[in-house]
Amino acid sequence: MNTFSNAFRAEVIRMARKELKPELQGMRKAISTHRSEIVALKREVKSLTSQLKTAQSQFNAVRTGLPIDQASSTEGTARQAFVFAPEMLASMRSALGATQLQMAALLAVSQLSYSRWEKGQVTPRIKQLAKIEALVKMGPLKAEMKMRQAAKS
């Protein structure tokens, strides 16, 4: 009777597999389709994350006035970022009653460079931005004194 029960059991299993085979094939196809869709979505998320990082660094560069490749390296700094604006240079120069040549001498740059910054044609480099920031922070009285000293030398 043991051989009969084993044979009967094997036949039931075979029939069950035969009945379930078409359903399982459909499910396997659906699973493989879902897996490939998941992989495609992961690639898209990775691409969008990369685009977002690029856009954030470009936004920070525009906001801080730094060149795009250097703005991402200064994102983690704790101090308030200096925002360069050409209008600021022109208004500061007119407030001091100085010429472009005098302002250029004060910042230790050529008059042509200063003129291009003021017109917004060129953005100053980091070293010059630091000098401009220092000039803005020193105030008009100290700037006039420094300008007079630069004129004497």
C-alpha atoms as a PDB file:
ATOM      1  CA  MET A   1       0.000   0.000   0.000  1.00  0.00           C
ATOM      2  CA  ASN A   2       2.964   2.259   0.567  1.00  0.00           C
ATOM      3  CA  THR A   3       3.962   2.132  -3.105  1.00  0.00           C
ATOM      4  CA  PHE A   4       0.376   2.870  -4.139  1.00  0.00           C
ATOM      5  CA  SER A   5       0.218   5.935  -1.866  1.00  0.00           C
ATOM      6  CA  ASN A   6       3.585   7.191  -3.163  1.00  0.00           C
ATOM      7  CA  ALA A   7       2.475   6.718  -6.776  1.00  0.00           C
ATOM      8  CA  PHE A   8      -0.869   8.409  -6.086  1.00  0.00           C
ATOM      9  CA  ARG A   9       0.872  11.309  -4.331  1.00  0.00           C
ATOM     10  CA  ALA A  10       3.338  11.739  -7.234  1.00  0.00           C
ATOM     11  CA  GLU A  11       0.448  11.714  -9.746  1.00  0.00           C
ATOM     12  CA  VAL A  12      -1.482  14.361  -7.770  1.00  0.00           C
ATOM     13  CA  ILE A  13       1.614  16.580  -7.623  1.00  0.00           C
ATOM     14  CA  ARG A  14       2.166  16.132 -11.368  1.00  0.00           C
ATOM     15  CA  MET A  15      -1.446  17.037 -12.165  1.00  0.00           C
ATOM     16  CA  ALA A  16      -1.332  20.049  -9.859  1.00  0.00           C
ATOM     17  CA  ARG A  17       1.855  21.314 -11.543  1.00  0.00           C
ATOM     18  CA  LYS A  18       0.272  20.759 -14.943  1.00  0.00           C
ATOM     19  CA  GLU A  19      -2.797  22.770 -13.915  1.00  0.00           C
ATOM     20  CA  LEU A  20      -0.750  25.599 -12.330  1.00  0.00           C
ATOM     21  CA  LYS A  21       1.894  25.882 -15.050  1.00  0.00           C
ATOM     22  CA  PRO A  22       0.083  28.451 -17.274  1.00  0.00           C
ATOM     23  CA  GLU A  23      -0.740  30.632 -14.262  1.00  0.00           C
ATOM     24  CA  LEU A  24       2.834  30.465 -13.002  1.00  0.00           C
ATOM     25  CA  GLN A  25       4.243  31.417 -16.426  1.00  0.00           C
ATOM     26  CA  GLY A  26       2.028  34.521 -16.525  1.00  0.00           C
ATOM     27  CA  MET A  27       3.126  35.465 -13.029  1.00  0.00           C
ATOM     28  CA  ARG A  28       6.801  34.932 -13.902  1.00  0.00           C
ATOM     29  CA  LYS A  29       6.468  37.201 -16.930  1.00  0.00           C
ATOM     30  CA  ALA A  30       4.779  39.868 -14.802  1.00  0.00           C
ATOM     31  CA  ILE A  31       7.500  39.605 -12.167  1.00  0.00           C
ATOM     32  CA  SER A  32      10.283  39.992 -14.734  1.00  0.00           C
ATOM     33  CA  THR A  33       8.471  42.990 -16.262  1.00  0.00           C
ATOM     34  CA  HIS A  34       8.093  44.572 -12.826  1.00  0.00           C
ATOM     35  CA  ARG A  35      11.760  43.977 -12.034  1.00  0.00           C
ATOM     36  CA  SER A  36      12.889  45.632 -15.276  1.00  0.00           C
ATOM     37  CA  GLU A  37      10.539  48.579 -14.559  1.00  0.00           C
ATOM     38  CA  ILE A  38      12.063  48.892 -11.071  1.00  0.00           C
ATOM     39  CA  VAL A  39      15.569  48.955 -12.560  1.00  0.00           C
ATOM     40  CA  ALA A  40      14.517  51.638 -15.059  1.00  0.00           C
ATOM     41  CA  LEU A  41      12.966  53.715 -12.255  1.00  0.00           C
ATOM     42  CA  LYS A  42      16.138  53.388 -10.170  1.00  0.00           C
ATOM     43  CA  ARG A  43      18.189  54.652 -13.134  1.00  0.00           C
ATOM     44  CA  GLU A  44      15.784  57.563 -13.573  1.00  0.00           C
ATOM     45  CA  VAL A  45      15.978  58.451  -9.864  1.00  0.00           C
ATOM     46  CA  LYS A  46      19.778  58.373 -10.040  1.00  0.00           C
ATOM     47  CA  SER A  47      19.761  60.626 -13.106  1.00  0.00           C
ATOM     48  CA  LEU A  48      17.301  63.063 -11.528  1.00  0.00           C
ATOM     49  CA  THR A  49      19.342  63.155  -8.321  1.00  0.00           C
ATOM     50  CA  SER A  50      22.425  64.024 -10.345  1.00  0.00           C
ATOM     51  CA  GLN A  51      20.530  66.752 -12.203  1.00  0.00           C
ATOM     52  CA  LEU A  52      19.227  68.126  -8.907  1.00  0.00           C
ATOM     53  CA  LYS A  53      22.749  68.315  -7.442  1.00  0.00           C
ATOM     54  CA  THR A  54      23.963  70.122 -10.563  1.00  0.00           C
ATOM     55  CA  ALA A  55      21.054  72.551 -10.435  1.00  0.00           C
ATOM     56  CA  GLN A  56      21.648  73.207  -6.717  1.00  0.00           C
ATOM     57  CA  SER A  57      25.327  73.949  -7.286  1.00  0.00           C
ATOM     58  CA  GLN A  58      24.450  76.275 -10.170  1.00  0.00           C
ATOM     59  CA  PHE A  59      21.840  78.011  -8.022  1.00  0.00           C
ATOM     60  CA  ASN A  60      24.361  78.417  -5.200  1.00  0.00           C
ATOM     61  CA  ALA A  61      26.903  79.770  -7.677  1.00  0.00           C
ATOM     62  CA  VAL A  62      24.458  82.375  -8.918  1.00  0.00           C
ATOM     63  CA  ARG A  63      23.370  83.216  -5.376  1.00  0.00           C
ATOM     64  CA  THR A  64      26.907  83.576  -4.025  1.00  0.00           C
ATOM     65  CA  GLY A  65      28.445  85.100  -7.132  1.00  0.00           C
ATOM     66  CA  LEU A  66      31.112  82.392  -7.391  1.00  0.00           C
ATOM     67  CA  PRO A  67      32.011  80.463 -10.532  1.00  0.00           C
ATOM     68  CA  ILE A  68      29.922  77.287 -10.794  1.00  0.00           C
ATOM     69  CA  ASP A  69      32.789  74.842 -10.243  1.00  0.00           C
ATOM     70  CA  GLN A  70      33.928  76.627  -7.070  1.00  0.00           C
ATOM     71  CA  ALA A  71      30.499  77.218  -5.512  1.00  0.00           C
ATOM     72  CA  SER A  72      29.932  73.543  -4.742  1.00  0.00           C
ATOM     73  CA  SER A  73      33.144  73.393  -2.704  1.00  0.00           C
ATOM     74  CA  THR A  74      32.014  76.274  -0.468  1.00  0.00           C
ATOM     75  CA  GLU A  75      28.458  75.048   0.171  1.00  0.00           C
ATOM     76  CA  GLY A  76      29.230  73.723   3.655  1.00  0.00           C
ATOM     77  CA  THR A  77      30.659  76.967   5.014  1.00  0.00           C
ATOM     78  CA  ALA A  78      28.935  78.405   8.060  1.00  0.00           C
ATOM     79  CA  ARG A  79      29.436  82.107   7.351  1.00  0.00           C
ATOM     80  CA  GLN A  80      27.018  84.206   5.332  1.00  0.00           C
ATOM     81  CA  ALA A  81      27.992  84.145   1.664  1.00  0.00           C
ATOM     82  CA  PHE A  82      28.938  87.424  -0.026  1.00  0.00           C
ATOM     83  CA  VAL A  83      26.650  88.136  -2.956  1.00  0.00           C
ATOM     84  CA  PHE A  84      28.311  90.052  -5.783  1.00  0.00           C
ATOM     85  CA  ALA A  85      26.198  92.535  -7.705  1.00  0.00           C
ATOM     86  CA  PRO A  86      27.579  94.934 -10.329  1.00  0.00           C
ATOM     87  CA  GLU A  87      25.103  97.592  -9.185  1.00  0.00           C
ATOM     88  CA  MET A  88      26.633  97.431  -5.717  1.00  0.00           C
ATOM     89  CA  LEU A  89      30.052  98.399  -7.106  1.00  0.00           C
ATOM     90  CA  ALA A  90      28.612 101.340  -9.039  1.00  0.00           C
ATOM     91  CA  SER A  91      26.616 102.618  -6.052  1.00  0.00           C
ATOM     92  CA  MET A  92      29.613 102.249  -3.726  1.00  0.00           C
ATOM     93  CA  ARG A  93      31.819 104.147  -6.198  1.00  0.00           C
ATOM     94  CA  SER A  94      29.298 106.953  -6.530  1.00  0.00           C
ATOM     95  CA  ALA A  95      28.876 107.116  -2.739  1.00  0.00           C
ATOM     96  CA  LEU A  96      32.634 107.521  -2.372  1.00  0.00           C
ATOM     97  CA  GLY A  97      32.793 110.024  -5.230  1.00  0.00           C
ATOM     98  CA  ALA A  98      35.587 108.008  -6.808  1.00  0.00           C
ATOM     99  CA  THR A  99      36.480 107.232 -10.387  1.00  0.00           C
ATOM    100  CA  GLN A 100      36.770 103.739 -11.776  1.00  0.00           C
ATOM    101  CA  LEU A 101      40.531 104.171 -11.819  1.00  0.00           C
ATOM    102  CA  GLN A 102      40.590 105.061  -8.112  1.00  0.00           C
ATOM    103  CA  MET A 103      38.360 102.122  -7.211  1.00  0.00           C
ATOM    104  CA  ALA A 104      40.542  99.810  -9.304  1.00  0.00           C
ATOM    105  CA  ALA A 105      43.629 101.063  -7.474  1.00  0.00           C
ATOM    106  CA  LEU A 106      41.867 100.544  -4.147  1.00  0.00           C
ATOM    107  CA  LEU A 107      41.129  96.928  -5.093  1.00  0.00           C
ATOM    108  CA  ALA A 108      44.569  96.443  -6.691  1.00  0.00           C
ATOM    109  CA  VAL A 109      43.171  95.522 -10.103  1.00  0.00           C
ATOM    110  CA  SER A 110      43.264  97.116 -13.534  1.00  0.00           C
ATOM    111  CA  GLN A 111      40.743  99.794 -14.472  1.00  0.00           C
ATOM    112  CA  LEU A 112      39.531  97.574 -17.321  1.00  0.00           C
ATOM    113  CA  SER A 113      38.760  94.685 -14.940  1.00  0.00           C
ATOM    114  CA  TYR A 114      36.899  96.994 -12.581  1.00  0.00           C
ATOM    115  CA  SER A 115      34.920  98.485 -15.474  1.00  0.00           C
ATOM    116  CA  ARG A 116      33.889  95.029 -16.682  1.00  0.00           C
ATOM    117  CA  TRP A 117      32.798  94.034 -13.151  1.00  0.00           C
ATOM    118  CA  GLU A 118      30.746  97.184 -12.785  1.00  0.00           C
ATOM    119  CA  LYS A 119      29.057  96.634 -16.153  1.00  0.00           C
ATOM    120  CA  GLY A 120      28.334  93.008 -15.249  1.00  0.00           C
ATOM    121  CA  GLN A 121      30.298  91.667 -18.220  1.00  0.00           C
ATOM    122  CA  VAL A 122      32.611  89.603 -16.005  1.00  0.00           C
ATOM    123  CA  THR A 123      32.315  88.153 -12.505  1.00  0.00           C
ATOM    124  CA  PRO A 124      35.338  88.716 -10.274  1.00  0.00           C
ATOM    125  CA  ARG A 125      37.415  85.734  -9.178  1.00  0.00           C
ATOM    126  CA  ILE A 126      37.413  84.537  -5.590  1.00  0.00           C
ATOM    127  CA  LYS A 127      40.452  86.601  -4.537  1.00  0.00           C
ATOM    128  CA  GLN A 128      38.914  89.756  -5.955  1.00  0.00           C
ATOM    129  CA  LEU A 129      35.553  88.916  -4.407  1.00  0.00           C
ATOM    130  CA  ALA A 130      37.276  88.752  -1.032  1.00  0.00           C
ATOM    131  CA  LYS A 131      38.790  92.193  -1.640  1.00  0.00           C
ATOM    132  CA  ILE A 132      35.424  93.616  -2.706  1.00  0.00           C
ATOM    133  CA  GLU A 133      33.750  92.087   0.341  1.00  0.00           C
ATOM    134  CA  ALA A 134      36.403  93.612   2.614  1.00  0.00           C
ATOM    135  CA  LEU A 135      35.897  96.995   0.938  1.00  0.00           C
ATOM    136  CA  VAL A 136      32.133  96.811   1.425  1.00  0.00           C
ATOM    137  CA  LYS A 137      32.523  95.823   5.070  1.00  0.00           C
ATOM    138  CA  MET A 138      35.079  98.535   5.870  1.00  0.00           C
ATOM    139  CA  GLY A 139      32.622 101.345   5.191  1.00  0.00           C
ATOM    140  CA  PRO A 140      32.948 104.635   3.319  1.00  0.00           C
ATOM    141  CA  LEU A 141      35.216 106.470   5.804  1.00  0.00           C
ATOM    142  CA  LYS A 142      37.883 103.780   5.931  1.00  0.00           C
ATOM    143  CA  ALA A 143      37.580 103.293   2.173  1.00  0.00           C
ATOM    144  CA  GLU A 144      38.243 107.006   1.573  1.00  0.00           C
ATOM    145  CA  MET A 145      41.269 106.897   3.882  1.00  0.00           C
ATOM    146  CA  LYS A 146      42.606 103.829   2.102  1.00  0.00           C
ATOM    147  CA  MET A 147      41.968 105.485  -1.261  1.00  0.00           C
ATOM    148  CA  ARG A 148      43.960 108.533  -0.205  1.00  0.00           C
ATOM    149  CA  GLN A 149      46.819 106.284   0.959  1.00  0.00           C
ATOM    150  CA  ALA A 150      46.759 104.436  -2.373  1.00  0.00           C
ATOM    151  CA  ALA A 151      46.858 107.766  -4.229  1.00  0.00           C
ATOM    152  CA  LYS A 152      49.907 108.919  -2.210  1.00  0.00           C
ATOM    153  CA  SER A 153      51.889 105.759  -2.968  1.00  0.00           C
END
